[in-house]
Amino acid sequence: MIRKLFHDYHSVGFMLVTGLIMGVVYFCGYDMRIIFDVTKEANLAEDYSFERCDFFDGSWVYDNVTRPLYKEKECSFMTDDYSCEKFGRKEFKYQFWRWQPHGCDLPRFNGTSLLEKLRDKRVVFVGDSLGKNHWVSLLCLIDSWISEPSSKVVEWHGSLITFRATEYNVSIDFYWEPLLVESNCDDPIKHRVLDRIMKIESIEKHAKHWIDADLLVFDSYAWWLEPNMTLLGQDWGKPMGTNCFNETEPITKKGYWGNDTSTGLMRTVESVVQDLRKKNFKIEILNITQLSQYRKDAHPTIFKRHWVPPTALELANPVKTADCSHWCLPGVPDVWNEIFYSYIRYRL
């Protein structure tokens, strides 16, 4: 499928490929905002070497000085799926963890630098609700860097949501396409079907909506799993039948991998990407799998909008309705976007 996508659509100039096996695999602020030393950043842009640093090997550090990078209530683009504070979460420690790679630092996120780098370009996130989680996080990160409200425009066109920063002529879009190929799950509202049917070789119906993108971010994984699959907490040292509900601390075990990690899928994606690079495609894998799996504390659990109101039985047993796939914002996806920013800023 991936090979066909790239074979048929040669006009895509740059593909970003990220990886997350915590429900998804990606194919392909704050009142006291940190003030940048422009000269220092200019030097960093020239000298920054990705070869010196593995962004994905590190640990989570509690940081109540520079985190969070924005506030949930102040983000113009926050949605109810990721608004844990709005829906009753009273414990906010999950907002104050910073990802610290071993032996180096992530470049500080600078919305102006990002928007300048993307000037006159179109970025499209293609995938499911975890891709949307990633996209909303990015919009929240750049929100406060655009001071004029009229310069921030969001438009809905069915499966396509378009954000425009008109001052920079930048478009950052999200396109709902959970299985990437054409399927009976394609409706952006009525897609919760258990009996999933897909046309495995048909991607053209969707591709026409993002084929002109300069930068694509794909995700697709969770929708290919069995619909009755649940994520349990037993590999965190918890009893069987528990999950992320009421978890308030990250996993600290060095080198932790969740039981649901598919190293086979990772190897498949790596192999496909290597083949594409040999064909001179500009493509990156950002494997955010492990750094995200440490964060069992950062999921919405019951603190989100429920598309279907919980029954009395479910309310009596909230573990059963806990969302352990998506992420509260601000939170883990902000780190994905810090890494995303680093690649765009210094390698694009």
Protein backbone atom coordinates (compact mmCIF):
# COMPACT_ATOMS: atom_id res chain seq x y z
CA MET A 1 0.00 0.00 0.00
CA ILE A 2 2.74 2.46 0.96
CA ARG A 3 4.76 1.61 -2.10
CA LYS A 4 1.75 2.23 -4.31
CA LEU A 5 1.11 5.58 -2.64
CA PHE A 6 4.58 6.87 -3.37
CA HIS A 7 4.77 5.29 -6.81
CA ASP A 8 1.59 6.99 -7.96
CA TYR A 9 2.15 10.40 -6.41
CA HIS A 10 5.56 11.81 -7.23
CA SER A 11 4.66 15.45 -6.56
CA VAL A 12 4.97 15.20 -2.78
CA GLY A 13 8.17 17.03 -1.95
CA PHE A 14 8.75 15.90 1.62
CA MET A 15 7.20 13.19 3.75
CA LEU A 16 7.55 13.07 7.52
CA VAL A 17 7.19 9.58 8.93
CA THR A 18 6.69 9.13 12.64
CA GLY A 19 6.11 5.98 14.64
CA LEU A 20 4.03 5.31 17.72
CA ILE A 21 2.95 1.86 18.88
CA MET A 22 0.66 2.91 21.69
CA GLY A 23 -2.47 2.68 19.63
CA VAL A 24 -0.99 4.18 16.47
CA VAL A 25 1.85 3.91 14.00
CA TYR A 26 2.64 6.92 11.90
CA PHE A 27 3.73 6.18 8.41
CA CYS A 28 5.09 8.52 6.43
CA GLY A 29 1.70 29.61 25.49
CA TYR A 30 2.02 29.90 28.30
CA ASP A 31 1.81 33.40 29.97
CA MET A 32 5.58 33.60 30.40
CA ARG A 33 6.65 32.54 26.94
CA ILE A 34 10.39 31.86 26.68
CA ILE A 35 12.18 34.75 25.01
CA PHE A 36 14.66 33.64 22.35
CA ASP A 37 18.14 34.96 21.86
CA VAL A 38 17.89 35.52 18.10
CA THR A 39 21.66 35.51 17.60
CA LYS A 40 22.04 32.28 19.54
CA GLU A 41 19.26 30.64 17.54
CA ALA A 42 20.82 31.74 14.26
CA ASN A 43 24.09 30.12 15.30
CA LEU A 44 22.23 26.99 16.37
CA ALA A 45 20.58 26.78 12.97
CA GLU A 46 23.99 26.67 11.36
CA ASP A 47 25.71 24.39 13.84
CA TYR A 48 22.98 22.02 14.93
CA SER A 49 23.95 18.41 14.21
CA PHE A 50 21.37 15.63 14.40
CA GLU A 51 24.18 13.10 14.35
CA ARG A 52 25.22 14.22 17.85
CA CYS A 53 21.88 13.51 19.40
CA ASP A 54 19.31 10.73 19.60
CA PHE A 55 16.10 12.58 20.41
CA PHE A 56 14.32 9.33 21.19
CA ASP A 57 16.67 8.03 23.88
CA GLY A 58 16.02 9.90 27.09
CA SER A 59 13.81 10.29 30.12
CA TRP A 60 10.93 12.42 31.39
CA VAL A 61 11.96 15.20 33.77
CA TYR A 62 9.49 17.04 35.99
CA ASP A 63 9.66 20.72 35.06
CA ASN A 64 7.21 23.25 36.50
CA VAL A 65 9.23 26.19 35.20
CA THR A 66 9.09 25.82 31.41
CA ARG A 67 6.02 23.54 31.28
CA PRO A 68 3.33 23.57 30.12
CA LEU A 69 4.06 25.30 26.82
CA TYR A 70 0.46 26.63 26.69
CA LYS A 71 -2.69 26.45 28.78
CA GLU A 72 -5.67 24.31 27.82
CA LYS A 73 -8.20 27.10 28.36
CA GLU A 74 -6.17 29.61 26.33
CA CYS A 75 -5.72 27.52 23.18
CA SER A 76 -8.10 28.73 20.47
CA PHE A 77 -8.10 25.31 18.79
CA MET A 78 -8.58 22.96 21.75
CA THR A 79 -11.18 20.23 21.23
CA ASP A 80 -13.22 18.33 23.79
CA ASP A 81 -11.51 15.03 22.99
CA TYR A 82 -8.28 16.19 24.64
CA SER A 83 -9.60 18.76 27.17
CA CYS A 84 -9.05 16.79 30.36
CA GLU A 85 -9.18 19.82 32.66
CA LYS A 86 -12.47 20.99 31.15
CA PHE A 87 -14.04 17.60 31.76
CA GLY A 88 -13.10 17.32 35.39
CA ARG A 89 -9.51 16.22 35.81
CA LYS A 90 -8.23 17.82 39.02
CA GLU A 91 -4.66 16.50 39.00
CA PHE A 92 -2.43 18.43 36.59
CA LYS A 93 1.03 17.02 37.17
CA TYR A 94 0.84 15.38 33.72
CA GLN A 95 1.30 18.85 32.17
CA PHE A 96 4.71 19.45 33.77
CA TRP A 97 6.93 16.74 32.33
CA ARG A 98 9.63 17.59 29.80
CA TRP A 99 11.34 15.03 27.56
CA GLN A 100 15.10 15.17 28.05
CA PRO A 101 17.26 13.26 25.53
CA HIS A 102 20.46 11.82 26.98
CA GLY A 103 23.50 13.88 26.14
CA CYS A 104 21.78 16.78 24.35
CA ASP A 105 18.80 19.13 24.46
CA LEU A 106 15.82 19.48 22.19
CA PRO A 107 15.81 22.89 20.49
CA ARG A 108 13.28 25.21 22.09
CA PHE A 109 10.04 25.49 20.18
CA ASN A 110 9.72 28.83 18.39
CA GLY A 111 6.44 29.37 16.59
CA THR A 112 7.72 32.27 14.52
CA SER A 113 10.68 30.25 13.24
CA LEU A 114 8.39 27.36 12.38
CA LEU A 115 5.91 29.52 10.51
CA GLU A 116 8.69 31.28 8.62
CA LYS A 117 10.12 27.91 7.63
CA LEU A 118 6.69 26.83 6.40
CA ARG A 119 5.86 30.11 4.67
CA ASP A 120 3.86 29.56 1.45
CA LYS A 121 3.61 25.81 2.17
CA ARG A 122 0.85 23.32 2.92
CA VAL A 123 1.23 20.72 5.68
CA VAL A 124 -1.32 17.91 5.99
CA PHE A 125 -1.78 15.45 8.85
CA VAL A 126 -3.52 12.37 7.43
CA GLY A 127 -4.97 9.69 9.68
CA ASP A 128 -7.16 9.04 12.70
CA SER A 129 -7.96 10.74 16.01
CA LEU A 130 -4.40 10.27 17.28
CA GLY A 131 -3.21 12.13 14.22
CA LYS A 132 -5.74 14.80 15.11
CA ASN A 133 -4.38 14.79 18.67
CA HIS A 134 -0.97 15.54 17.17
CA TRP A 135 -2.40 18.25 14.88
CA VAL A 136 -4.36 20.04 17.64
CA SER A 137 -1.23 20.08 19.79
CA LEU A 138 0.70 21.82 17.00
CA LEU A 139 -2.00 24.45 16.57
CA CYS A 140 -2.02 25.10 20.32
CA LEU A 141 1.76 25.50 20.29
CA ILE A 142 1.73 28.12 17.53
CA ASP A 143 -1.48 29.86 18.67
CA SER A 144 0.16 32.40 20.97
CA TRP A 145 2.85 33.19 18.38
CA ILE A 146 0.22 34.70 16.06
CA SER A 147 -0.97 37.81 17.85
CA GLU A 148 -3.67 38.92 15.40
CA PRO A 149 -6.81 36.72 15.72
CA SER A 150 -7.92 37.55 12.18
CA SER A 151 -4.69 35.92 10.91
CA LYS A 152 -5.81 32.51 12.25
CA VAL A 153 -8.56 30.87 10.19
CA VAL A 154 -10.06 27.37 10.57
CA GLU A 155 -12.42 25.91 7.96
CA TRP A 156 -14.25 22.56 7.92
CA HIS A 157 -14.87 20.72 4.66
CA GLY A 158 -16.14 17.26 5.56
CA SER A 159 -13.11 15.09 6.32
CA LEU A 160 -10.74 18.02 5.79
CA ILE A 161 -10.08 20.67 8.46
CA THR A 162 -7.93 23.53 7.26
CA PHE A 163 -5.99 25.94 9.47
CA ARG A 164 -4.47 28.97 7.82
CA ALA A 165 -1.95 31.41 9.21
CA THR A 166 -2.67 34.09 6.64
CA GLU A 167 0.27 36.31 7.57
CA TYR A 168 2.63 33.52 6.48
CA ASN A 169 0.41 31.97 3.80
CA VAL A 170 0.77 28.68 5.68
CA SER A 171 -1.86 25.94 5.70
CA ILE A 172 -1.72 23.21 8.36
CA ASP A 173 -4.55 20.75 7.72
CA PHE A 174 -5.96 17.56 9.16
CA TYR A 175 -7.61 14.97 6.93
CA TRP A 176 -9.66 12.15 8.48
CA GLU A 177 -8.55 8.88 6.88
CA PRO A 178 -8.21 6.27 9.66
CA LEU A 179 -7.31 3.30 7.44
CA LEU A 180 -5.54 5.41 4.77
CA VAL A 181 -7.35 3.43 2.09
CA GLU A 182 -11.03 3.79 1.19
CA SER A 183 -13.30 2.14 3.79
CA ASN A 184 -16.68 2.26 5.53
CA CYS A 185 -15.00 4.23 8.34
CA ASP A 186 -14.39 7.30 6.19
CA ASP A 187 -17.20 9.49 7.54
CA PRO A 188 -15.57 11.97 9.96
CA ILE A 189 -18.59 11.80 12.30
CA LYS A 190 -20.28 8.41 11.85
CA HIS A 191 -17.29 6.11 11.71
CA ARG A 192 -17.57 3.96 14.82
CA VAL A 193 -18.22 0.68 13.02
CA LEU A 194 -17.14 -2.74 14.29
CA ASP A 195 -17.57 -4.59 10.99
CA ARG A 196 -14.90 -2.76 9.03
CA ILE A 197 -14.71 -3.04 5.27
CA MET A 198 -11.93 -1.54 3.19
CA LYS A 199 -10.66 -1.40 -0.37
CA ILE A 200 -7.07 -2.30 0.29
CA GLU A 201 -5.66 -0.92 -2.98
CA SER A 202 -7.80 2.19 -3.21
CA ILE A 203 -6.21 5.39 -1.94
CA GLU A 204 -6.99 7.79 -4.79
CA LYS A 205 -10.34 8.92 -3.35
CA HIS A 206 -8.54 10.38 -0.36
CA ALA A 207 -5.23 11.31 -1.96
CA LYS A 208 -6.81 13.99 -4.15
CA HIS A 209 -7.35 16.04 -0.97
CA TRP A 210 -3.68 16.10 0.05
CA ILE A 211 -1.64 15.35 -3.05
CA ASP A 212 -0.56 18.99 -3.38
CA ALA A 213 0.92 19.08 0.13
CA ASP A 214 4.54 20.09 0.67
CA LEU A 215 4.74 18.07 3.88
CA LEU A 216 2.67 15.03 4.86
CA VAL A 217 2.37 13.32 8.24
CA PHE A 218 0.64 9.92 8.12
CA ASP A 219 -0.69 7.77 10.91
CA SER A 220 -2.57 4.49 10.81
CA TYR A 221 -2.47 1.57 13.22
CA ALA A 222 -5.16 1.44 15.89
CA TRP A 223 -7.97 1.06 13.37
CA TRP A 224 -6.47 -2.17 12.06
CA LEU A 225 -6.70 -3.85 15.47
CA GLU A 226 -9.54 -6.00 16.73
CA PRO A 227 -12.37 -3.69 17.87
CA ASN A 228 -12.68 -5.39 21.27
CA MET A 229 -8.99 -5.00 22.08
CA THR A 230 -8.29 -3.21 25.37
CA LEU A 231 -5.07 -1.82 26.79
CA LEU A 232 -4.30 -3.30 30.26
CA GLY A 233 -1.91 -2.17 32.88
CA GLN A 234 -0.32 -5.51 33.96
CA ASP A 235 3.10 -4.73 32.46
CA TRP A 236 3.23 -1.65 34.72
CA GLY A 237 3.22 -3.91 37.78
CA LYS A 238 -0.53 -3.46 38.27
CA PRO A 239 -3.18 -6.16 38.78
CA MET A 240 -4.97 -7.67 35.81
CA GLY A 241 -8.07 -5.73 34.78
CA THR A 242 -6.58 -2.31 35.51
CA ASN A 243 -5.43 0.29 32.98
CA CYS A 244 -4.39 3.96 32.87
CA PHE A 245 -7.29 5.11 35.07
CA ASN A 246 -6.05 7.02 38.14
CA GLU A 247 -2.41 6.81 37.05
CA THR A 248 -0.55 10.00 38.00
CA GLU A 249 3.15 9.18 37.44
CA PRO A 250 5.16 8.18 34.36
CA ILE A 251 6.93 4.84 34.14
CA THR A 252 10.52 5.29 35.29
CA LYS A 253 11.96 1.92 34.32
CA LYS A 254 14.76 2.62 31.86
CA GLY A 255 14.28 0.98 28.48
CA TYR A 256 10.62 0.17 29.11
CA TRP A 257 8.60 -1.18 26.19
CA GLY A 258 4.89 -1.92 26.46
CA ASN A 259 3.59 -5.42 25.80
CA ASP A 260 1.59 -4.08 22.86
CA THR A 261 4.70 -2.85 21.04
CA SER A 262 5.05 -4.38 17.58
CA THR A 263 8.73 -4.45 16.67
CA GLY A 264 7.74 -6.30 13.49
CA LEU A 265 5.71 -3.33 12.30
CA MET A 266 8.60 -1.02 13.12
CA ARG A 267 10.96 -3.13 11.02
CA THR A 268 8.45 -3.15 8.15
CA VAL A 269 8.16 0.64 8.19
CA GLU A 270 11.94 1.01 8.38
CA SER A 271 12.35 -1.31 5.38
CA VAL A 272 9.80 0.59 3.29
CA VAL A 273 11.39 3.92 4.18
CA GLN A 274 14.85 2.67 3.26
CA ASP A 275 13.52 1.62 -0.15
CA LEU A 276 11.95 5.04 -0.64
CA ARG A 277 15.16 6.82 0.30
CA LYS A 278 16.98 4.81 -2.36
CA LYS A 279 14.51 6.33 -4.81
CA ASN A 280 15.51 9.83 -3.60
CA PHE A 281 12.40 10.50 -1.54
CA LYS A 282 13.00 12.93 1.31
CA ILE A 283 11.45 11.01 4.16
CA GLU A 284 11.97 10.67 7.91
CA ILE A 285 10.80 8.31 10.63
CA LEU A 286 10.36 9.89 14.03
CA ASN A 287 9.87 6.87 16.28
CA ILE A 288 8.09 8.35 19.27
CA THR A 289 6.91 4.95 20.47
CA GLN A 290 8.98 4.43 23.57
CA LEU A 291 9.04 7.98 24.89
CA SER A 292 5.24 8.00 24.75
CA GLN A 293 4.79 4.61 26.40
CA TYR A 294 6.46 5.86 29.57
CA ARG A 295 3.54 8.27 30.05
CA LYS A 296 0.76 6.10 31.46
CA ASP A 297 -0.31 9.15 33.49
CA ALA A 298 -1.13 11.40 30.52
CA HIS A 299 -4.23 9.83 28.95
CA PRO A 300 -7.74 11.34 29.22
CA THR A 301 -9.19 8.24 30.92
CA ILE A 302 -12.75 9.40 31.75
CA PHE A 303 -11.98 13.12 31.52
CA LYS A 304 -13.17 13.87 27.99
CA ARG A 305 -16.34 14.25 25.96
CA HIS A 306 -18.13 10.94 25.53
CA TRP A 307 -19.68 10.49 22.12
CA VAL A 308 -22.02 7.91 23.63
CA PRO A 309 -23.11 8.76 27.22
CA PRO A 310 -21.85 6.13 29.70
CA THR A 311 -24.42 3.79 31.15
CA ALA A 312 -25.06 3.54 34.89
CA LEU A 313 -23.00 0.35 34.95
CA GLU A 314 -20.10 2.02 33.16
CA LEU A 315 -20.24 5.02 35.49
CA ALA A 316 -20.04 2.64 38.43
CA ASN A 317 -16.90 1.07 36.93
CA PRO A 318 -14.97 3.92 35.22
CA VAL A 319 -12.00 1.68 34.42
CA LYS A 320 -14.09 0.13 31.66
CA THR A 321 -14.65 3.48 29.92
CA ALA A 322 -11.16 4.91 30.42
CA ASP A 323 -9.51 6.24 27.25
CA CYS A 324 -5.93 4.98 27.33
CA SER A 325 -5.15 5.70 23.67
CA HIS A 326 -5.41 9.47 23.28
CA TRP A 327 -3.54 12.15 25.20
CA CYS A 328 -4.54 15.11 27.35
CA LEU A 329 -3.40 18.50 26.10
CA PRO A 330 -1.10 20.09 26.97
CA GLY A 331 0.89 16.89 27.23
CA VAL A 332 2.77 14.18 25.36
CA PRO A 333 1.90 15.26 21.77
CA ASP A 334 3.60 18.60 22.49
CA VAL A 335 6.88 16.69 22.71
CA TRP A 336 6.13 14.99 19.40
CA ASN A 337 5.80 18.47 17.95
CA GLU A 338 8.99 19.71 19.56
CA ILE A 339 10.80 16.92 17.72
CA PHE A 340 8.73 17.61 14.60
CA TYR A 341 9.74 21.28 14.82
CA SER A 342 13.41 20.34 15.18
CA TYR A 343 13.37 18.33 11.96
CA ILE A 344 11.52 21.01 10.02
CA ARG A 345 13.64 23.83 11.40
CA TYR A 346 17.03 22.27 10.84
CA ARG A 347 16.61 19.60 8.15
CA LEU A 348 13.84 20.72 5.81
